[in-house]
Amino acid sequence: MKITKVVADSRKHAFAVTTRKGTFDFPFKRCEPSPGPHDRLAHVYVDPDLGRAAFTYQLESGAEGSVHIDSVLDINSDPDYLARLELYQLTLEAKRRMSSSGLTARTVAAKLGTSPAQLYRLLDPTNYNKSARQLLALLAIGGAAVTVSDTRPA
């Protein structure tokens, strides 16, 4: 996801980060180095050197920092970002379990009722268009069970 615009909102003490999905706030206190009353924000811009997937800010002291869009989406609990993150982590666990199981890719593919090529696509952590059912079946072959838990603070 690309950042189209970023502005500092001194009243909210946050950056307003605009993407094609909307505008998200990112608090100053989450930045390192953090802007404050003794070291104010001098300049902020969408960073083309970081593929427009991050913004960079500079403080009056000359200190500089960058914030990636993933951090912005995480702070704002973007459901699409969080779902992709969970899918990525499940895929890594499936890869670990498959490699430690001693089963060949052909054997696992046969158990899943699919081809080895599809199995490799299923094990690709950057592929977010995979079937959750097949990924859960792959985890079950590896001896894992997926449990849903509440992540909200009590």
C-alpha atoms as a PDB file:
ATOM      1  CA  MET A   1       0.000   0.000   0.000  1.00  0.00           C
ATOM      2  CA  LYS A   2       1.255   3.437  -0.909  1.00  0.00           C
ATOM      3  CA  ILE A   3       0.993   6.624   1.105  1.00  0.00           C
ATOM      4  CA  THR A   4      -0.459   9.476  -0.938  1.00  0.00           C
ATOM      5  CA  LYS A   5      -0.178  12.279   1.631  1.00  0.00           C
ATOM      6  CA  VAL A   6       1.046  12.874   5.175  1.00  0.00           C
ATOM      7  CA  VAL A   7       0.529  15.947   7.353  1.00  0.00           C
ATOM      8  CA  ALA A   8       1.311  16.689  10.977  1.00  0.00           C
ATOM      9  CA  ASP A   9      -1.681  17.465  13.191  1.00  0.00           C
ATOM     10  CA  SER A  10      -0.286  19.294  16.233  1.00  0.00           C
ATOM     11  CA  ARG A  11      -3.681  19.363  17.999  1.00  0.00           C
ATOM     12  CA  LYS A  12      -3.979  15.570  17.926  1.00  0.00           C
ATOM     13  CA  HIS A  13      -0.215  15.107  18.382  1.00  0.00           C
ATOM     14  CA  ALA A  14      -0.308  12.734  15.424  1.00  0.00           C
ATOM     15  CA  PHE A  15       0.499  12.381  11.761  1.00  0.00           C
ATOM     16  CA  ALA A  16      -2.498  12.114   9.424  1.00  0.00           C
ATOM     17  CA  VAL A  17      -1.477   9.487   6.866  1.00  0.00           C
ATOM     18  CA  THR A  18      -3.612   9.274   3.719  1.00  0.00           C
ATOM     19  CA  THR A  19      -3.772   6.187   1.491  1.00  0.00           C
ATOM     20  CA  ARG A  20      -6.277   5.057  -1.116  1.00  0.00           C
ATOM     21  CA  LYS A  21      -8.120   3.235   1.716  1.00  0.00           C
ATOM     22  CA  GLY A  22      -8.535   6.389   3.778  1.00  0.00           C
ATOM     23  CA  THR A  23      -6.772   8.522   6.368  1.00  0.00           C
ATOM     24  CA  PHE A  24      -5.150   7.024   9.467  1.00  0.00           C
ATOM     25  CA  ASP A  25      -3.665   8.762  12.497  1.00  0.00           C
ATOM     26  CA  PHE A  26      -0.221   7.810  13.795  1.00  0.00           C
ATOM     27  CA  PRO A  27       0.623   9.295  17.233  1.00  0.00           C
ATOM     28  CA  PHE A  28       3.840  11.260  17.690  1.00  0.00           C
ATOM     29  CA  LYS A  29       4.605   9.275  20.848  1.00  0.00           C
ATOM     30  CA  ARG A  30       4.975   6.085  18.740  1.00  0.00           C
ATOM     31  CA  CYS A  31       7.798   7.663  16.705  1.00  0.00           C
ATOM     32  CA  GLU A  32      11.496   7.246  17.411  1.00  0.00           C
ATOM     33  CA  PRO A  33      12.761   9.971  17.772  1.00  0.00           C
ATOM     34  CA  SER A  34       9.547  11.480  19.017  1.00  0.00           C
ATOM     35  CA  PRO A  35       8.559  15.089  18.341  1.00  0.00           C
ATOM     36  CA  GLY A  36       7.836  17.056  21.503  1.00  0.00           C
ATOM     37  CA  PRO A  37       7.772  20.534  23.001  1.00  0.00           C
ATOM     38  CA  HIS A  38      11.589  20.672  23.252  1.00  0.00           C
ATOM     39  CA  ASP A  39      12.242  19.219  19.796  1.00  0.00           C
ATOM     40  CA  ARG A  40       9.466  20.198  17.431  1.00  0.00           C
ATOM     41  CA  LEU A  41       8.654  18.745  14.046  1.00  0.00           C
ATOM     42  CA  ALA A  42      10.353  20.674  11.248  1.00  0.00           C
ATOM     43  CA  HIS A  43       9.410  18.737   8.105  1.00  0.00           C
ATOM     44  CA  VAL A  44       7.405  15.643   7.087  1.00  0.00           C
ATOM     45  CA  TYR A  45       7.040  14.047   3.639  1.00  0.00           C
ATOM     46  CA  VAL A  46       6.098  10.842   1.855  1.00  0.00           C
ATOM     47  CA  ASP A  47       9.462   9.218   1.179  1.00  0.00           C
ATOM     48  CA  PRO A  48       9.965   8.247  -2.496  1.00  0.00           C
ATOM     49  CA  ASP A  49      13.227   6.477  -1.564  1.00  0.00           C
ATOM     50  CA  LEU A  50      11.142   4.044   0.535  1.00  0.00           C
ATOM     51  CA  GLY A  51       8.739   3.358  -2.327  1.00  0.00           C
ATOM     52  CA  ARG A  52       6.075   5.730  -0.968  1.00  0.00           C
ATOM     53  CA  ALA A  53       5.315   2.972   1.592  1.00  0.00           C
ATOM     54  CA  ALA A  54       6.704   5.119   4.414  1.00  0.00           C
ATOM     55  CA  PHE A  55       6.965   8.728   5.470  1.00  0.00           C
ATOM     56  CA  THR A  56      10.000  10.505   6.853  1.00  0.00           C
ATOM     57  CA  TYR A  57      10.030  13.375   9.313  1.00  0.00           C
ATOM     58  CA  GLN A  58      12.739  15.678  10.582  1.00  0.00           C
ATOM     59  CA  LEU A  59      12.871  17.436  13.940  1.00  0.00           C
ATOM     60  CA  GLU A  60      14.290  20.909  14.593  1.00  0.00           C
ATOM     61  CA  SER A  61      17.373  19.295  16.183  1.00  0.00           C
ATOM     62  CA  GLY A  62      18.127  17.576  12.864  1.00  0.00           C
ATOM     63  CA  ALA A  63      17.113  14.136  14.114  1.00  0.00           C
ATOM     64  CA  GLU A  64      15.222  12.137  11.513  1.00  0.00           C
ATOM     65  CA  GLY A  65      12.911   9.136  11.558  1.00  0.00           C
ATOM     66  CA  SER A  66      10.757   7.101   9.191  1.00  0.00           C
ATOM     67  CA  VAL A  67       7.494   5.242   9.734  1.00  0.00           C
ATOM     68  CA  HIS A  68       6.367   2.397   7.460  1.00  0.00           C
ATOM     69  CA  ILE A  69       2.720   2.043   6.439  1.00  0.00           C
ATOM     70  CA  ASP A  70       2.589  -1.362   8.204  1.00  0.00           C
ATOM     71  CA  SER A  71       3.167   0.393  11.531  1.00  0.00           C
ATOM     72  CA  VAL A  72       0.365   2.842  10.756  1.00  0.00           C
ATOM     73  CA  LEU A  73      -2.044   0.036   9.841  1.00  0.00           C
ATOM     74  CA  ASP A  74      -1.059  -1.969  12.929  1.00  0.00           C
ATOM     75  CA  ILE A  75      -1.679   0.973  15.292  1.00  0.00           C
ATOM     76  CA  ASN A  76      -5.072   1.546  13.673  1.00  0.00           C
ATOM     77  CA  SER A  77      -5.983  -2.186  13.772  1.00  0.00           C
ATOM     78  CA  ASP A  78      -6.745  -2.303  10.045  1.00  0.00           C
ATOM     79  CA  PRO A  79      -8.625  -5.608   9.547  1.00  0.00           C
ATOM     80  CA  ASP A  80      -7.109  -6.356   6.130  1.00  0.00           C
ATOM     81  CA  TYR A  81      -3.569  -5.802   7.437  1.00  0.00           C
ATOM     82  CA  LEU A  82      -4.198  -7.922  10.548  1.00  0.00           C
ATOM     83  CA  ALA A  83      -5.703 -10.746   8.453  1.00  0.00           C
ATOM     84  CA  ARG A  84      -2.663 -10.747   6.148  1.00  0.00           C
ATOM     85  CA  LEU A  85      -0.347 -10.806   9.156  1.00  0.00           C
ATOM     86  CA  GLU A  86      -2.159 -13.816  10.653  1.00  0.00           C
ATOM     87  CA  LEU A  87      -2.125 -15.599   7.283  1.00  0.00           C
ATOM     88  CA  TYR A  88       1.613 -14.940   6.986  1.00  0.00           C
ATOM     89  CA  GLN A  89       2.280 -16.353  10.470  1.00  0.00           C
ATOM     90  CA  LEU A  90       0.138 -19.435   9.805  1.00  0.00           C
ATOM     91  CA  THR A  91       2.006 -20.036   6.554  1.00  0.00           C
ATOM     92  CA  LEU A  92       5.388 -19.838   8.306  1.00  0.00           C
ATOM     93  CA  GLU A  93       4.173 -22.336  10.909  1.00  0.00           C
ATOM     94  CA  ALA A  94       2.912 -24.672   8.174  1.00  0.00           C
ATOM     95  CA  LYS A  95       6.320 -24.487   6.450  1.00  0.00           C
ATOM     96  CA  ARG A  96       8.113 -25.312   9.731  1.00  0.00           C
ATOM     97  CA  ARG A  97       5.833 -28.245  10.421  1.00  0.00           C
ATOM     98  CA  MET A  98       6.100 -29.624   6.895  1.00  0.00           C
ATOM     99  CA  SER A  99       9.902 -29.477   6.923  1.00  0.00           C
ATOM    100  CA  SER A 100      10.074 -31.190  10.334  1.00  0.00           C
ATOM    101  CA  SER A 101       7.463 -33.854   9.453  1.00  0.00           C
ATOM    102  CA  GLY A 102       9.767 -35.770   7.118  1.00  0.00           C
ATOM    103  CA  LEU A 103       6.977 -36.075   4.536  1.00  0.00           C
ATOM    104  CA  THR A 104       7.721 -35.299   0.900  1.00  0.00           C
ATOM    105  CA  ALA A 105       5.885 -32.547  -0.939  1.00  0.00           C
ATOM    106  CA  ARG A 106       4.284 -35.154  -3.189  1.00  0.00           C
ATOM    107  CA  THR A 107       2.962 -37.106  -0.181  1.00  0.00           C
ATOM    108  CA  VAL A 108       1.541 -33.975   1.482  1.00  0.00           C
ATOM    109  CA  ALA A 109      -0.001 -32.823  -1.810  1.00  0.00           C
ATOM    110  CA  ALA A 110      -1.668 -36.222  -2.220  1.00  0.00           C
ATOM    111  CA  LYS A 111      -3.083 -36.021   1.337  1.00  0.00           C
ATOM    112  CA  LEU A 112      -4.484 -32.569   0.534  1.00  0.00           C
ATOM    113  CA  GLY A 113      -5.846 -33.757  -2.822  1.00  0.00           C
ATOM    114  CA  THR A 114      -3.876 -31.168  -4.748  1.00  0.00           C
ATOM    115  CA  SER A 115      -0.762 -30.875  -6.906  1.00  0.00           C
ATOM    116  CA  PRO A 116       2.788 -30.224  -5.652  1.00  0.00           C
ATOM    117  CA  ALA A 117       2.722 -26.895  -7.532  1.00  0.00           C
ATOM    118  CA  GLN A 118      -0.399 -25.843  -5.606  1.00  0.00           C
ATOM    119  CA  LEU A 119       1.254 -26.989  -2.361  1.00  0.00           C
ATOM    120  CA  TYR A 120       4.230 -24.718  -3.052  1.00  0.00           C
ATOM    121  CA  ARG A 121       1.850 -21.800  -3.718  1.00  0.00           C
ATOM    122  CA  LEU A 122       0.146 -22.638  -0.425  1.00  0.00           C
ATOM    123  CA  LEU A 123       3.524 -22.538   1.357  1.00  0.00           C
ATOM    124  CA  ASP A 124       4.491 -19.201  -0.212  1.00  0.00           C
ATOM    125  CA  PRO A 125       4.265 -16.603   2.600  1.00  0.00           C
ATOM    126  CA  THR A 126       3.765 -13.758   0.106  1.00  0.00           C
ATOM    127  CA  ASN A 127       0.724 -15.410  -1.524  1.00  0.00           C
ATOM    128  CA  TYR A 128      -2.351 -13.935   0.175  1.00  0.00           C
ATOM    129  CA  ASN A 129      -4.854 -15.495  -2.244  1.00  0.00           C
ATOM    130  CA  LYS A 130      -4.651 -18.978  -0.760  1.00  0.00           C
ATOM    131  CA  SER A 131      -7.489 -21.026   0.609  1.00  0.00           C
ATOM    132  CA  ALA A 132      -7.731 -20.875   4.387  1.00  0.00           C
ATOM    133  CA  ARG A 133      -9.264 -24.358   4.351  1.00  0.00           C
ATOM    134  CA  GLN A 134      -6.227 -25.831   2.585  1.00  0.00           C
ATOM    135  CA  LEU A 135      -3.841 -23.992   4.906  1.00  0.00           C
ATOM    136  CA  LEU A 136      -5.696 -25.328   7.958  1.00  0.00           C
ATOM    137  CA  ALA A 137      -5.619 -28.836   6.447  1.00  0.00           C
ATOM    138  CA  LEU A 138      -1.856 -28.487   5.911  1.00  0.00           C
ATOM    139  CA  LEU A 139      -1.404 -27.430   9.531  1.00  0.00           C
ATOM    140  CA  ALA A 140      -3.479 -30.438  10.637  1.00  0.00           C
ATOM    141  CA  ILE A 141      -1.218 -32.769   8.628  1.00  0.00           C
ATOM    142  CA  GLY A 142       1.687 -31.225  10.532  1.00  0.00           C
ATOM    143  CA  GLY A 143      -0.067 -31.948  13.835  1.00  0.00           C
ATOM    144  CA  ALA A 144      -1.171 -28.396  14.626  1.00  0.00           C
ATOM    145  CA  ALA A 145      -4.516 -27.076  15.767  1.00  0.00           C
ATOM    146  CA  VAL A 146      -5.506 -23.449  15.316  1.00  0.00           C
ATOM    147  CA  THR A 147      -7.105 -21.727  18.302  1.00  0.00           C
ATOM    148  CA  VAL A 148      -8.851 -18.373  18.162  1.00  0.00           C
ATOM    149  CA  SER A 149      -8.242 -16.088  21.125  1.00  0.00           C
ATOM    150  CA  ASP A 150      -9.233 -12.564  22.093  1.00  0.00           C
ATOM    151  CA  THR A 151      -6.339 -10.110  21.751  1.00  0.00           C
ATOM    152  CA  ARG A 152      -8.128  -7.127  23.256  1.00  0.00           C
ATOM    153  CA  PRO A 153      -6.816  -6.022  26.643  1.00  0.00           C
ATOM    154  CA  ALA A 154      -8.942  -7.087  29.590  1.00  0.00           C
END
